[in-house]
PDB file of all heavy atoms in Angstrom:
ATOM      1  N   LEU A   1     -25.143  41.585   1.025  1.00  0.00           N
ATOM      2  CA  LEU A   1     -24.473  42.161   2.186  1.00  0.00           C
ATOM      3  C   LEU A   1     -25.231  43.357   2.741  1.00  0.00           C
ATOM      4  O   LEU A   1     -25.355  43.505   3.958  1.00  0.00           O
ATOM      5  CB  LEU A   1     -23.039  42.549   1.828  1.00  0.00           C
ATOM      6  CG  LEU A   1     -22.041  41.426   1.678  1.00  0.00           C
ATOM      7  CD1 LEU A   1     -20.692  41.997   1.227  1.00  0.00           C
ATOM      8  CD2 LEU A   1     -21.880  40.664   2.973  1.00  0.00           C
ATOM      9  N   LEU A   2     -25.712  44.226   1.884  1.00  0.00           N
ATOM     10  CA  LEU A   2     -26.359  45.447   2.329  1.00  0.00           C
ATOM     11  C   LEU A   2     -27.880  45.368   2.364  1.00  0.00           C
ATOM     12  O   LEU A   2     -28.519  46.282   2.858  1.00  0.00           O
ATOM     13  CB  LEU A   2     -25.934  46.613   1.423  1.00  0.00           C
ATOM     14  CG  LEU A   2     -24.444  46.946   1.417  1.00  0.00           C
ATOM     15  CD1 LEU A   2     -24.144  48.062   0.435  1.00  0.00           C
ATOM     16  CD2 LEU A   2     -23.964  47.328   2.821  1.00  0.00           C
ATOM     17  N   ALA A   3     -28.419  44.287   1.846  1.00  0.00           N
ATOM     18  CA  ALA A   3     -29.881  44.161   1.779  1.00  0.00           C
ATOM     19  C   ALA A   3     -30.459  43.760   3.139  1.00  0.00           C
ATOM     20  O   ALA A   3     -29.889  42.956   3.862  1.00  0.00           O
ATOM     21  CB  ALA A   3     -30.273  43.125   0.736  1.00  0.00           C
ATOM     22  N   ASP A   4     -31.608  44.347   3.452  1.00  0.00           N
ATOM     23  CA  ASP A   4     -32.355  43.944   4.635  1.00  0.00           C
ATOM     24  C   ASP A   4     -33.516  43.050   4.244  1.00  0.00           C
ATOM     25  O   ASP A   4     -33.878  42.152   4.982  1.00  0.00           O
ATOM     26  CB  ASP A   4     -32.925  45.183   5.350  1.00  0.00           C
ATOM     27  CG  ASP A   4     -31.826  46.136   5.820  1.00  0.00           C
ATOM     28  OD1 ASP A   4     -30.934  45.664   6.548  1.00  0.00           O
ATOM     29  OD2 ASP A   4     -31.882  47.307   5.444  1.00  0.00           O
ATOM     30  N   LYS A   5     -34.105  43.354   3.080  1.00  0.00           N
ATOM     31  CA  LYS A   5     -35.291  42.624   2.629  1.00  0.00           C
ATOM     32  C   LYS A   5     -35.103  42.238   1.173  1.00  0.00           C
ATOM     33  O   LYS A   5     -34.620  43.050   0.363  1.00  0.00           O
ATOM     34  CB  LYS A   5     -36.525  43.515   2.784  1.00  0.00           C
ATOM     35  CG  LYS A   5     -37.838  42.830   2.463  1.00  0.00           C
ATOM     36  CD  LYS A   5     -38.991  43.779   2.792  1.00  0.00           C
ATOM     37  CE  LYS A   5     -40.346  43.127   2.677  1.00  0.00           C
ATOM     38  NZ  LYS A   5     -41.432  44.070   3.034  1.00  0.00           N
ATOM     39  N   VAL A   6     -35.512  41.008   0.837  1.00  0.00           N
ATOM     40  CA  VAL A   6     -35.298  40.485  -0.517  1.00  0.00           C
ATOM     41  C   VAL A   6     -36.624  39.980  -1.073  1.00  0.00           C
ATOM     42  O   VAL A   6     -37.304  39.165  -0.423  1.00  0.00           O
ATOM     43  CB  VAL A   6     -34.269  39.328  -0.512  1.00  0.00           C
ATOM     44  CG1 VAL A   6     -34.098  38.748  -1.896  1.00  0.00           C
ATOM     45  CG2 VAL A   6     -32.931  39.807   0.054  1.00  0.00           C
ATOM     46  N   HIS A   7     -36.969  40.459  -2.242  1.00  0.00           N
ATOM     47  CA  HIS A   7     -38.149  39.962  -2.987  1.00  0.00           C
ATOM     48  C   HIS A   7     -37.617  39.069  -4.102  1.00  0.00           C
ATOM     49  O   HIS A   7     -36.681  39.440  -4.826  1.00  0.00           O
ATOM     50  CB  HIS A   7     -38.918  41.120  -3.629  1.00  0.00           C
ATOM     51  CG  HIS A   7     -39.659  41.962  -2.635  1.00  0.00           C
ATOM     52  ND1 HIS A   7     -40.943  41.732  -2.282  1.00  0.00           N
ATOM     53  CD2 HIS A   7     -39.235  43.072  -1.945  1.00  0.00           C
ATOM     54  CE1 HIS A   7     -41.333  42.647  -1.419  1.00  0.00           C
ATOM     55  NE2 HIS A   7     -40.319  43.467  -1.177  1.00  0.00           N
ATOM     56  N   VAL A   8     -38.249  37.903  -4.252  1.00  0.00           N
ATOM     57  CA  VAL A   8     -37.791  36.964  -5.299  1.00  0.00           C
ATOM     58  C   VAL A   8     -38.965  36.093  -5.699  1.00  0.00           C
ATOM     59  O   VAL A   8     -39.918  35.910  -4.929  1.00  0.00           O
ATOM     60  CB  VAL A   8     -36.597  36.106  -4.779  1.00  0.00           C
ATOM     61  CG1 VAL A   8     -36.992  35.191  -3.667  1.00  0.00           C
ATOM     62  CG2 VAL A   8     -35.899  35.385  -5.909  1.00  0.00           C
ATOM     63  N   GLY A   9     -38.891  35.551  -6.899  1.00  0.00           N
ATOM     64  CA  GLY A   9     -39.940  34.679  -7.419  1.00  0.00           C
ATOM     65  C   GLY A   9     -39.781  33.262  -6.940  1.00  0.00           C
ATOM     66  O   GLY A   9     -38.881  32.898  -6.189  1.00  0.00           O
ATOM     67  N   CYS A  10     -40.687  32.405  -7.436  1.00  0.00           N
ATOM     68  CA  CYS A  10     -40.779  31.020  -6.975  1.00  0.00           C
ATOM     69  C   CYS A  10     -40.165  30.020  -7.980  1.00  0.00           C
ATOM     70  O   CYS A  10     -40.283  28.816  -7.794  1.00  0.00           O
ATOM     71  CB  CYS A  10     -42.250  30.658  -6.763  1.00  0.00           C
ATOM     72  SG  CYS A  10     -43.281  30.875  -8.240  1.00  0.00           S
ATOM     73  N   ALA A  11     -39.490  30.503  -9.010  1.00  0.00           N
ATOM     74  CA  ALA A  11     -38.968  29.617 -10.053  1.00  0.00           C
ATOM     75  C   ALA A  11     -37.634  28.965  -9.643  1.00  0.00           C
ATOM     76  O   ALA A  11     -37.021  29.324  -8.630  1.00  0.00           O
ATOM     77  CB  ALA A  11     -38.786  30.400 -11.361  1.00  0.00           C
ATOM     78  N   ARG A  12     -37.204  28.061 -10.495  1.00  0.00           N
ATOM     79  CA  ARG A  12     -35.877  27.455 -10.292  1.00  0.00           C
ATOM     80  C   ARG A  12     -34.822  28.438 -10.841  1.00  0.00           C
ATOM     81  O   ARG A  12     -35.140  29.523 -11.270  1.00  0.00           O
ATOM     82  CB  ARG A  12     -35.812  26.092 -10.984  1.00  0.00           C
ATOM     83  CG  ARG A  12     -35.894  26.152 -12.478  1.00  0.00           C
ATOM     84  CD  ARG A  12     -35.927  24.734 -13.126  1.00  0.00           C
ATOM     85  NE  ARG A  12     -35.781  24.802 -14.555  1.00  0.00           N
ATOM     86  CZ  ARG A  12     -36.763  25.053 -15.404  1.00  0.00           C
ATOM     87  NH1 ARG A  12     -37.982  25.275 -14.954  1.00  0.00           N
ATOM     88  NH2 ARG A  12     -36.525  25.093 -16.698  1.00  0.00           N
ATOM     89  N   GLY A  13     -33.565  28.047 -10.818  1.00  0.00           N
ATOM     90  CA  GLY A  13     -32.514  28.877 -11.362  1.00  0.00           C
ATOM     91  C   GLY A  13     -32.131  30.020 -10.434  1.00  0.00           C
ATOM     92  O   GLY A  13     -31.901  29.817  -9.252  1.00  0.00           O
ATOM     93  N   VAL A  14     -32.100  31.230 -10.990  1.00  0.00           N
ATOM     94  CA  VAL A  14     -31.681  32.407 -10.217  1.00  0.00           C
ATOM     95  C   VAL A  14     -32.629  32.645  -9.020  1.00  0.00           C
ATOM     96  O   VAL A  14     -32.162  32.957  -7.928  1.00  0.00           O
ATOM     97  CB  VAL A  14     -31.595  33.654 -11.105  1.00  0.00           C
ATOM     98  CG1 VAL A  14     -31.402  34.921 -10.273  1.00  0.00           C
ATOM     99  CG2 VAL A  14     -30.459  33.493 -12.119  1.00  0.00           C
ATOM    100  N   ASP A  15     -33.929  32.476  -9.233  1.00  0.00           N
ATOM    101  CA  ASP A  15     -34.875  32.648  -8.105  1.00  0.00           C
ATOM    102  C   ASP A  15     -34.516  31.726  -6.950  1.00  0.00           C
ATOM    103  O   ASP A  15     -34.473  32.137  -5.788  1.00  0.00           O
ATOM    104  CB  ASP A  15     -36.308  32.377  -8.547  1.00  0.00           C
ATOM    105  CG  ASP A  15     -36.952  33.455  -9.396  1.00  0.00           C
ATOM    106  OD1 ASP A  15     -36.233  34.409  -9.781  1.00  0.00           O
ATOM    107  OD2 ASP A  15     -38.138  33.341  -9.666  1.00  0.00           O
ATOM    108  N   ALA A  16     -34.266  30.452  -7.273  1.00  0.00           N
ATOM    109  CA  ALA A  16     -33.939  29.469  -6.235  1.00  0.00           C
ATOM    110  C   ALA A  16     -32.643  29.841  -5.512  1.00  0.00           C
ATOM    111  O   ALA A  16     -32.557  29.728  -4.268  1.00  0.00           O
ATOM    112  CB  ALA A  16     -33.818  28.077  -6.827  1.00  0.00           C
ATOM    113  N   LEU A  17     -31.644  30.300  -6.249  1.00  0.00           N
ATOM    114  CA  LEU A  17     -30.400  30.743  -5.619  1.00  0.00           C
ATOM    115  C   LEU A  17     -30.645  31.946  -4.730  1.00  0.00           C
ATOM    116  O   LEU A  17     -30.094  32.040  -3.616  1.00  0.00           O
ATOM    117  CB  LEU A  17     -29.360  31.067  -6.685  1.00  0.00           C
ATOM    118  CG  LEU A  17     -28.795  29.897  -7.480  1.00  0.00           C
ATOM    119  CD1 LEU A  17     -27.897  30.402  -8.600  1.00  0.00           C
ATOM    120  CD2 LEU A  17     -28.033  28.940  -6.573  1.00  0.00           C
ATOM    121  N   GLY A  18     -31.476  32.871  -5.175  1.00  0.00           N
ATOM    122  CA  GLY A  18     -31.785  34.051  -4.381  1.00  0.00           C
ATOM    123  C   GLY A  18     -32.482  33.666  -3.080  1.00  0.00           C
ATOM    124  O   GLY A  18     -32.147  34.186  -2.006  1.00  0.00           O
ATOM    125  N   ARG A  19     -33.431  32.737  -3.170  1.00  0.00           N
ATOM    126  CA  ARG A  19     -34.129  32.298  -1.946  1.00  0.00           C
ATOM    127  C   ARG A  19     -33.145  31.626  -1.004  1.00  0.00           C
ATOM    128  O   ARG A  19     -33.167  31.895   0.206  1.00  0.00           O
ATOM    129  CB  ARG A  19     -35.270  31.324  -2.316  1.00  0.00           C
ATOM    130  CG  ARG A  19     -36.421  31.982  -3.058  1.00  0.00           C
ATOM    131  CD  ARG A  19     -37.611  31.061  -3.191  1.00  0.00           C
ATOM    132  NE  ARG A  19     -37.335  29.736  -3.761  1.00  0.00           N
ATOM    133  CZ  ARG A  19     -37.365  29.438  -5.061  1.00  0.00           C
ATOM    134  NH1 ARG A  19     -37.660  30.382  -5.962  1.00  0.00           N
ATOM    135  NH2 ARG A  19     -37.098  28.209  -5.473  1.00  0.00           N
ATOM    136  N   GLU A  20     -32.323  30.735  -1.542  1.00  0.00           N
ATOM    137  CA  GLU A  20     -31.356  30.006  -0.714  1.00  0.00           C
ATOM    138  C   GLU A  20     -30.386  30.949   0.010  1.00  0.00           C
ATOM    139  O   GLU A  20     -30.199  30.862   1.219  1.00  0.00           O
ATOM    140  CB  GLU A  20     -30.563  29.038  -1.585  1.00  0.00           C
ATOM    141  CG  GLU A  20     -29.396  28.354  -0.902  1.00  0.00           C
ATOM    142  CD  GLU A  20     -28.456  27.693  -1.911  1.00  0.00           C
ATOM    143  OE1 GLU A  20     -28.922  27.188  -2.942  1.00  0.00           O
ATOM    144  OE2 GLU A  20     -27.240  27.692  -1.620  1.00  0.00           O
ATOM    145  N   LEU A  21     -29.800  31.881  -0.747  1.00  0.00           N
ATOM    146  CA  LEU A  21     -28.799  32.750  -0.168  1.00  0.00           C
ATOM    147  C   LEU A  21     -29.403  33.793   0.776  1.00  0.00           C
ATOM    148  O   LEU A  21     -28.787  34.132   1.795  1.00  0.00           O
ATOM    149  CB  LEU A  21     -27.970  33.411  -1.281  1.00  0.00           C
ATOM    150  CG  LEU A  21     -27.078  32.449  -2.061  1.00  0.00           C
ATOM    151  CD1 LEU A  21     -26.490  33.142  -3.286  1.00  0.00           C
ATOM    152  CD2 LEU A  21     -25.973  31.882  -1.183  1.00  0.00           C
ATOM    153  N   ALA A  22     -30.580  34.314   0.429  1.00  0.00           N
ATOM    154  CA  ALA A  22     -31.227  35.256   1.343  1.00  0.00           C
ATOM    155  C   ALA A  22     -31.560  34.599   2.659  1.00  0.00           C
ATOM    156  O   ALA A  22     -31.323  35.170   3.728  1.00  0.00           O
ATOM    157  CB  ALA A  22     -32.484  35.847   0.681  1.00  0.00           C
ATOM    158  N   ALA A  23     -32.121  33.393   2.594  1.00  0.00           N
ATOM    159  CA  ALA A  23     -32.483  32.684   3.834  1.00  0.00           C
ATOM    160  C   ALA A  23     -31.246  32.343   4.650  1.00  0.00           C
ATOM    161  O   ALA A  23     -31.239  32.521   5.876  1.00  0.00           O
ATOM    162  CB  ALA A  23     -33.266  31.423   3.494  1.00  0.00           C
ATOM    163  N   SER A  24     -30.186  31.877   4.001  1.00  0.00           N
ATOM    164  CA  SER A  24     -28.991  31.472   4.735  1.00  0.00           C
ATOM    165  C   SER A  24     -28.251  32.693   5.326  1.00  0.00           C
ATOM    166  O   SER A  24     -27.461  32.510   6.250  1.00  0.00           O
ATOM    167  CB  SER A  24     -28.064  30.639   3.871  1.00  0.00           C
ATOM    168  OG  SER A  24     -27.505  31.439   2.846  1.00  0.00           O
ATOM    169  N   ASN A  25     -28.537  33.883   4.804  1.00  0.00           N
ATOM    170  CA  ASN A  25     -27.930  35.092   5.333  1.00  0.00           C
ATOM    171  C   ASN A  25     -28.854  35.856   6.270  1.00  0.00           C
ATOM    172  O   ASN A  25     -28.577  37.010   6.645  1.00  0.00           O
ATOM    173  CB  ASN A  25     -27.467  36.017   4.193  1.00  0.00           C
ATOM    174  CG  ASN A  25     -26.184  35.497   3.558  1.00  0.00           C
ATOM    175  OD1 ASN A  25     -25.105  35.648   4.136  1.00  0.00           O
ATOM    176  ND2 ASN A  25     -26.302  34.863   2.395  1.00  0.00           N
ATOM    177  N   GLY A  26     -29.978  35.247   6.650  1.00  0.00           N
ATOM    178  CA  GLY A  26     -30.899  35.836   7.613  1.00  0.00           C
ATOM    179  C   GLY A  26     -31.627  37.056   7.132  1.00  0.00           C
ATOM    180  O   GLY A  26     -32.051  37.895   7.945  1.00  0.00           O
ATOM    181  N   LYS A  27     -31.838  37.207   5.851  1.00  0.00           N
ATOM    182  CA  LYS A  27     -32.547  38.356   5.291  1.00  0.00           C
ATOM    183  C   LYS A  27     -34.045  38.116   5.377  1.00  0.00           C
ATOM    184  O   LYS A  27     -34.539  36.995   5.305  1.00  0.00           O
ATOM    185  CB  LYS A  27     -32.144  38.623   3.841  1.00  0.00           C
ATOM    186  CG  LYS A  27     -30.662  38.768   3.629  1.00  0.00           C
ATOM    187  CD  LYS A  27     -30.114  39.938   4.458  1.00  0.00           C
ATOM    188  CE  LYS A  27     -28.608  40.059   4.272  1.00  0.00           C
ATOM    189  NZ  LYS A  27     -28.050  41.183   5.017  1.00  0.00           N
ATOM    190  N   LEU A  28     -34.819  39.195   5.517  1.00  0.00           N
ATOM    191  CA  LEU A  28     -36.255  39.121   5.437  1.00  0.00           C
ATOM    192  C   LEU A  28     -36.581  38.763   3.991  1.00  0.00           C
ATOM    193  O   LEU A  28     -36.213  39.492   3.069  1.00  0.00           O
ATOM    194  CB  LEU A  28     -36.870  40.458   5.823  1.00  0.00           C
ATOM    195  CG  LEU A  28     -38.376  40.583   5.760  1.00  0.00           C
ATOM    196  CD1 LEU A  28     -39.049  39.511   6.635  1.00  0.00           C
ATOM    197  CD2 LEU A  28     -38.820  41.966   6.208  1.00  0.00           C
ATOM    198  N   LEU A  29     -37.246  37.634   3.784  1.00  0.00           N
ATOM    199  CA  LEU A  29     -37.455  37.085   2.449  1.00  0.00           C
ATOM    200  C   LEU A  29     -38.935  37.092   2.102  1.00  0.00           C
ATOM    201  O   LEU A  29     -39.752  36.556   2.860  1.00  0.00           O
ATOM    202  CB  LEU A  29     -36.901  35.666   2.384  1.00  0.00           C
ATOM    203  CG  LEU A  29     -37.027  34.910   1.091  1.00  0.00           C
ATOM    204  CD1 LEU A  29     -36.302  35.602  -0.046  1.00  0.00           C
ATOM    205  CD2 LEU A  29     -36.476  33.490   1.278  1.00  0.00           C
ATOM    206  N   VAL A  30     -39.270  37.671   0.949  1.00  0.00           N
ATOM    207  CA  VAL A  30     -40.626  37.659   0.444  1.00  0.00           C
ATOM    208  C   VAL A  30     -40.595  36.875  -0.869  1.00  0.00           C
ATOM    209  O   VAL A  30     -39.957  37.327  -1.822  1.00  0.00           O
ATOM    210  CB  VAL A  30     -41.181  39.077   0.211  1.00  0.00           C
ATOM    211  CG1 VAL A  30     -42.595  39.018  -0.335  1.00  0.00           C
ATOM    212  CG2 VAL A  30     -41.119  39.898   1.495  1.00  0.00           C
ATOM    213  N   VAL A  31     -41.274  35.720  -0.888  1.00  0.00           N
ATOM    214  CA  VAL A  31     -41.306  34.901  -2.112  1.00  0.00           C
ATOM    215  C   VAL A  31     -42.636  35.167  -2.796  1.00  0.00           C
ATOM    216  O   VAL A  31     -43.703  35.014  -2.222  1.00  0.00           O
ATOM    217  CB  VAL A  31     -41.143  33.395  -1.763  1.00  0.00           C
ATOM    218  CG1 VAL A  31     -41.241  32.557  -3.042  1.00  0.00           C
ATOM    219  CG2 VAL A  31     -39.855  33.150  -1.034  1.00  0.00           C
ATOM    220  N   HIS A  32     -42.549  35.582  -4.041  1.00  0.00           N
ATOM    221  CA  HIS A  32     -43.734  35.865  -4.849  1.00  0.00           C
ATOM    222  C   HIS A  32     -44.071  34.606  -5.655  1.00  0.00           C
ATOM    223  O   HIS A  32     -43.295  34.167  -6.490  1.00  0.00           O
ATOM    224  CB  HIS A  32     -43.469  37.058  -5.773  1.00  0.00           C
ATOM    225  CG  HIS A  32     -43.240  38.317  -4.977  1.00  0.00           C
ATOM    226  ND1 HIS A  32     -44.251  39.193  -4.673  1.00  0.00           N
ATOM    227  CD2 HIS A  32     -42.108  38.817  -4.415  1.00  0.00           C
ATOM    228  CE1 HIS A  32     -43.759  40.187  -3.950  1.00  0.00           C
ATOM    229  NE2 HIS A  32     -42.471  39.992  -3.784  1.00  0.00           N
ATOM    230  N   GLU A  33     -45.237  34.071  -5.351  1.00  0.00           N
ATOM    231  CA  GLU A  33     -45.691  32.839  -5.991  1.00  0.00           C
ATOM    232  C   GLU A  33     -46.485  33.127  -7.257  1.00  0.00           C
ATOM    233  O   GLU A  33     -47.077  34.195  -7.407  1.00  0.00           O
ATOM    234  CB  GLU A  33     -46.590  32.065  -5.002  1.00  0.00           C
ATOM    235  CG  GLU A  33     -45.939  31.706  -3.693  1.00  0.00           C
ATOM    236  CD  GLU A  33     -44.948  30.569  -3.766  1.00  0.00           C
ATOM    237  OE1 GLU A  33     -44.994  29.811  -4.782  1.00  0.00           O
ATOM    238  OE2 GLU A  33     -44.158  30.420  -2.829  1.00  0.00           O
ATOM    239  N   THR A  34     -46.525  32.141  -8.151  1.00  0.00           N
ATOM    240  CA  THR A  34     -47.321  32.235  -9.350  1.00  0.00           C
ATOM    241  C   THR A  34     -48.498  31.294  -9.229  1.00  0.00           C
ATOM    242  O   THR A  34     -48.457  30.329  -8.463  1.00  0.00           O
ATOM    243  CB  THR A  34     -46.488  31.875 -10.608  1.00  0.00           C
ATOM    244  OG1 THR A  34     -47.302  32.060 -11.754  1.00  0.00           O
ATOM    245  CG2 THR A  34     -45.971  30.459 -10.574  1.00  0.00           C
TER     246      THR A  34
END
């Protein structure tokens, strides 16, 4: 709710949920790849 920018990894599980929810909420998303 309060985040403007979200950093998250490229894995499944929590990372995948973070990417999904950040994108669907219009947040600036930075995905860190391995």
